[in-house]
Amino acid sequence: MTSKPAIVTVAITGLSCAGKTTLADALQARLAHTIVLHQDDYFKDYENIPMREGTAEKDFDCVGAFDDAALRKQTEELQRHPERSCPTCAQSATEHQARDAPAVLLTRGARPVHVVLCEGLIVMHPDFQLSDSFDLCINLDLPQDTARARRKCRDYGEHPDPADYFDSVVWPRYIDYHKIIAEHPGLLSFHGDAPREQIVDAVIDEIKKIV
């Protein structure tokens, strides 16, 4: 009988533009048997994105903007079968295979440890019903001015931010969200401007403790 794979599931969340995707990609490049699940791949179709209350604008930063059932189903599937890829993870996995061999191979006994990284703005929100499935939760924070400046530099294509979107939606939503996730016993927070390798090393050390 084949034994179940050893799995560590890590949430990477935090303020918009704090470096969540960059951190996830850096961890995948350093750790063998790692797959990244991006919450942004689970946005609903544009016509189903909720409207921002009191305006004629779409609200891309609320829980209702995402297909929470699909995200939860895929996360749970990867936790059961991390050796399989998924449609939204395929590109990341292919890019990873083209890189140099990862420097860190984690094992539990004789079994390799698979790492599932679930990265996104609000992946730990209670409405997604995923928080209890994470072994480790990483939050990336930034000062308001820094995050605002980074957000202004982002190209959102056909759906750019309205002029007041960061200060009236993104920032207050993050403050409320952080109050919720701060109670999670496995939460570790890092400053998004800290040296990337410093954060990567710290996260890998925490994963090793779990393994």
Protein backbone atom coordinates (compact mmCIF):
# COMPACT_ATOMS: atom_id res chain seq x y z
CA MET A 1 0.00 0.00 0.00
CA THR A 2 1.40 3.38 -1.01
CA SER A 3 1.75 5.82 1.89
CA LYS A 4 0.28 9.28 1.68
CA PRO A 5 2.72 12.04 0.73
CA ALA A 6 4.02 14.34 3.46
CA ILE A 7 2.54 17.79 2.91
CA VAL A 8 3.00 21.27 4.35
CA THR A 9 0.45 23.90 3.32
CA VAL A 10 1.48 27.56 3.61
CA ALA A 11 -0.66 30.67 3.19
CA ILE A 12 1.05 33.81 1.88
CA THR A 13 -1.22 36.79 2.37
CA GLY A 14 -1.07 40.49 3.16
CA LEU A 15 -1.42 43.96 1.77
CA SER A 16 -1.72 44.59 -1.96
CA CYS A 17 1.68 45.08 -3.62
CA ALA A 18 3.59 43.81 -0.57
CA GLY A 19 5.36 41.08 -2.55
CA LYS A 20 3.21 37.97 -2.05
CA THR A 21 3.66 36.54 -5.55
CA THR A 22 7.36 37.38 -5.56
CA LEU A 23 7.82 35.54 -2.27
CA ALA A 24 5.85 32.51 -3.47
CA ASP A 25 7.92 32.29 -6.65
CA ALA A 26 11.16 32.65 -4.67
CA LEU A 27 10.15 29.86 -2.31
CA GLN A 28 9.22 27.62 -5.21
CA ALA A 29 12.63 28.23 -6.74
CA ARG A 30 14.34 27.20 -3.50
CA LEU A 31 12.20 24.24 -2.43
CA ALA A 32 11.75 20.95 -4.25
CA HIS A 33 8.23 19.54 -4.71
CA THR A 34 6.57 22.93 -4.30
CA ILE A 35 3.50 24.17 -6.13
CA VAL A 36 1.94 27.64 -6.00
CA LEU A 37 -1.76 28.37 -6.02
CA HIS A 38 -2.60 32.01 -6.84
CA GLN A 39 -5.86 33.45 -5.53
CA ASP A 40 -5.92 35.90 -8.44
CA ASP A 41 -6.54 32.95 -10.77
CA TYR A 42 -9.92 32.54 -9.06
CA PHE A 43 -11.50 35.89 -9.82
CA LYS A 44 -15.07 35.54 -10.99
CA ASP A 45 -15.94 36.60 -14.53
CA TYR A 46 -16.03 40.39 -14.81
CA GLU A 47 -19.81 40.56 -15.00
CA ASN A 48 -20.05 38.66 -11.70
CA ILE A 49 -17.65 40.88 -9.75
CA PRO A 50 -19.69 42.75 -7.09
CA MET A 51 -20.21 46.48 -7.39
CA ARG A 52 -18.58 48.79 -4.91
CA GLU A 53 -21.35 50.03 -2.62
CA GLY A 54 -22.68 53.46 -3.57
CA THR A 55 -20.76 53.57 -6.86
CA ALA A 56 -20.91 52.23 -10.40
CA GLU A 57 -17.47 50.63 -9.98
CA LYS A 58 -16.46 46.99 -9.57
CA ASP A 59 -14.98 45.86 -6.25
CA PHE A 60 -12.06 43.52 -6.97
CA ASP A 61 -10.85 43.41 -3.36
CA CYS A 62 -13.84 41.88 -1.63
CA VAL A 63 -14.50 38.23 -0.82
CA GLY A 64 -17.34 38.15 -3.34
CA ALA A 65 -14.95 38.89 -6.21
CA PHE A 66 -13.48 35.39 -5.96
CA ASP A 67 -14.85 31.92 -6.65
CA ASP A 68 -14.27 30.72 -3.11
CA ALA A 69 -15.67 27.23 -3.75
CA ALA A 70 -13.29 26.61 -6.66
CA LEU A 71 -10.30 27.92 -4.69
CA ARG A 72 -11.16 25.77 -1.69
CA LYS A 73 -11.71 22.68 -3.85
CA GLN A 74 -8.38 23.08 -5.64
CA THR A 75 -6.47 23.70 -2.41
CA GLU A 76 -7.95 20.60 -0.83
CA GLU A 77 -7.20 18.57 -3.96
CA LEU A 78 -3.55 19.64 -3.88
CA GLN A 79 -3.35 18.74 -0.21
CA ARG A 80 -4.54 15.23 -1.05
CA HIS A 81 -2.53 14.85 -4.26
CA PRO A 82 0.31 17.43 -4.31
CA GLU A 83 2.16 15.47 -6.98
CA ARG A 84 -0.56 16.40 -9.47
CA SER A 85 -0.68 19.77 -11.14
CA CYS A 86 -3.79 21.83 -11.77
CA PRO A 87 -4.91 24.11 -14.61
CA THR A 88 -4.12 27.30 -12.70
CA CYS A 89 -0.80 25.94 -11.41
CA ALA A 90 0.45 24.49 -14.72
CA GLN A 91 2.35 27.56 -15.90
CA SER A 92 4.09 28.03 -12.58
CA ALA A 93 5.10 24.37 -12.44
CA THR A 94 6.45 24.47 -16.01
CA GLU A 95 8.51 27.57 -15.30
CA HIS A 96 9.83 25.95 -12.14
CA GLN A 97 11.02 22.86 -14.03
CA ALA A 98 13.10 25.05 -16.32
CA ARG A 99 15.06 26.58 -13.44
CA ASP A 100 18.11 25.22 -11.72
CA ALA A 101 17.50 22.33 -9.32
CA PRO A 102 16.09 23.57 -6.00
CA ALA A 103 18.65 23.84 -3.22
CA VAL A 104 16.43 22.45 -0.47
CA LEU A 105 14.85 18.99 -0.47
CA LEU A 106 12.67 18.51 2.60
CA THR A 107 11.98 15.01 3.84
CA ARG A 108 9.90 13.36 6.54
CA GLY A 109 11.47 10.00 7.22
CA ALA A 110 12.09 8.48 3.80
CA ARG A 111 9.38 10.53 2.13
CA PRO A 112 9.89 13.84 0.32
CA VAL A 113 7.81 16.68 1.69
CA HIS A 114 5.51 18.45 -0.75
CA VAL A 115 4.85 22.14 -0.11
CA VAL A 116 1.60 23.76 -1.24
CA LEU A 117 1.77 27.57 -1.27
CA CYS A 118 -1.59 29.35 -1.39
CA GLU A 119 -0.92 32.98 -2.21
CA GLY A 120 -3.38 35.84 -2.27
CA LEU A 121 -4.81 39.04 -0.89
CA ILE A 122 -7.40 37.47 1.42
CA VAL A 123 -6.80 33.70 1.35
CA MET A 124 -7.14 33.56 5.15
CA HIS A 125 -10.52 35.29 5.25
CA PRO A 126 -12.99 33.14 7.24
CA ASP A 127 -15.44 33.06 4.33
CA PHE A 128 -12.96 30.99 2.30
CA GLN A 129 -12.94 28.33 5.03
CA LEU A 130 -9.25 27.59 4.46
CA SER A 131 -7.52 29.02 7.54
CA ASP A 132 -7.65 25.79 9.53
CA SER A 133 -5.97 23.86 6.72
CA PHE A 134 -2.81 25.99 6.71
CA ASP A 135 0.21 24.73 8.66
CA LEU A 136 1.92 28.11 8.40
CA CYS A 137 0.60 31.58 7.54
CA ILE A 138 2.80 34.38 6.27
CA ASN A 139 1.59 37.99 6.24
CA LEU A 140 3.44 40.69 4.30
CA ASP A 141 2.91 44.26 5.45
CA LEU A 142 3.90 47.68 4.10
CA PRO A 143 3.44 51.30 5.15
CA GLN A 144 0.36 52.87 3.59
CA ASP A 145 2.32 55.36 1.47
CA THR A 146 4.65 52.68 0.08
CA ALA A 147 1.79 50.37 -0.83
CA ARG A 148 -0.16 53.21 -2.43
CA ALA A 149 2.82 54.21 -4.57
CA ARG A 150 3.37 50.61 -5.70
CA ARG A 151 -0.29 50.14 -6.52
CA LYS A 152 -0.31 53.27 -8.68
CA CYS A 153 2.53 51.79 -10.75
CA ARG A 154 0.61 48.59 -11.48
CA ASP A 155 -1.05 48.11 -14.85
CA TYR A 156 -4.50 46.60 -14.42
CA GLY A 157 -5.23 46.69 -18.14
CA GLU A 158 -8.88 47.27 -18.98
CA HIS A 159 -9.85 47.77 -15.33
CA PRO A 160 -7.58 50.41 -13.74
CA ASP A 161 -8.15 51.53 -10.16
CA PRO A 162 -10.44 54.54 -9.68
CA ALA A 163 -8.59 57.55 -8.28
CA ASP A 164 -9.60 56.96 -4.65
CA TYR A 165 -9.61 53.16 -4.71
CA PHE A 166 -6.53 52.50 -2.60
CA ASP A 167 -7.40 54.81 0.29
CA SER A 168 -11.14 54.15 0.30
CA VAL A 169 -11.10 50.39 -0.39
CA VAL A 170 -7.72 48.63 -0.39
CA TRP A 171 -6.21 50.11 2.77
CA PRO A 172 -9.27 49.99 5.09
CA ARG A 173 -10.07 46.47 3.88
CA TYR A 174 -6.54 45.35 4.75
CA ILE A 175 -6.77 46.89 8.23
CA ASP A 176 -10.03 45.02 8.89
CA TYR A 177 -8.64 41.79 7.40
CA HIS A 178 -5.45 42.00 9.44
CA LYS A 179 -7.47 42.31 12.66
CA ILE A 180 -9.09 38.99 11.79
CA ILE A 181 -5.98 37.05 10.78
CA ALA A 182 -3.86 38.43 13.64
CA GLU A 183 -5.62 35.93 15.90
CA HIS A 184 -4.38 32.95 13.88
CA PRO A 185 -1.85 30.99 16.01
CA GLY A 186 0.38 30.18 13.05
CA LEU A 187 0.70 33.71 11.66
CA LEU A 188 4.12 35.23 11.01
CA SER A 189 4.38 38.80 9.73
CA PHE A 190 7.21 40.29 7.70
CA HIS A 191 7.83 43.77 6.36
CA GLY A 192 7.40 43.65 2.60
CA ASP A 193 10.44 45.86 2.11
CA ALA A 194 12.77 43.48 3.97
CA PRO A 195 15.44 41.77 1.82
CA ARG A 196 13.67 39.03 -0.12
CA GLU A 197 16.24 36.33 0.64
CA GLN A 198 15.98 37.15 4.34
CA ILE A 199 12.23 36.46 4.26
CA VAL A 200 12.69 33.34 2.12
CA ASP A 201 15.27 31.92 4.53
CA ALA A 202 13.04 32.66 7.52
CA VAL A 203 10.02 30.98 5.93
CA ILE A 204 12.04 27.90 4.96
CA ASP A 205 13.31 27.66 8.54
CA GLU A 206 9.70 27.73 9.79
CA ILE A 207 8.67 25.05 7.30
CA LYS A 208 11.55 22.86 8.49
CA LYS A 209 10.22 23.14 12.06
CA ILE A 210 6.86 21.81 10.89
CA VAL A 211 8.44 18.97 8.93
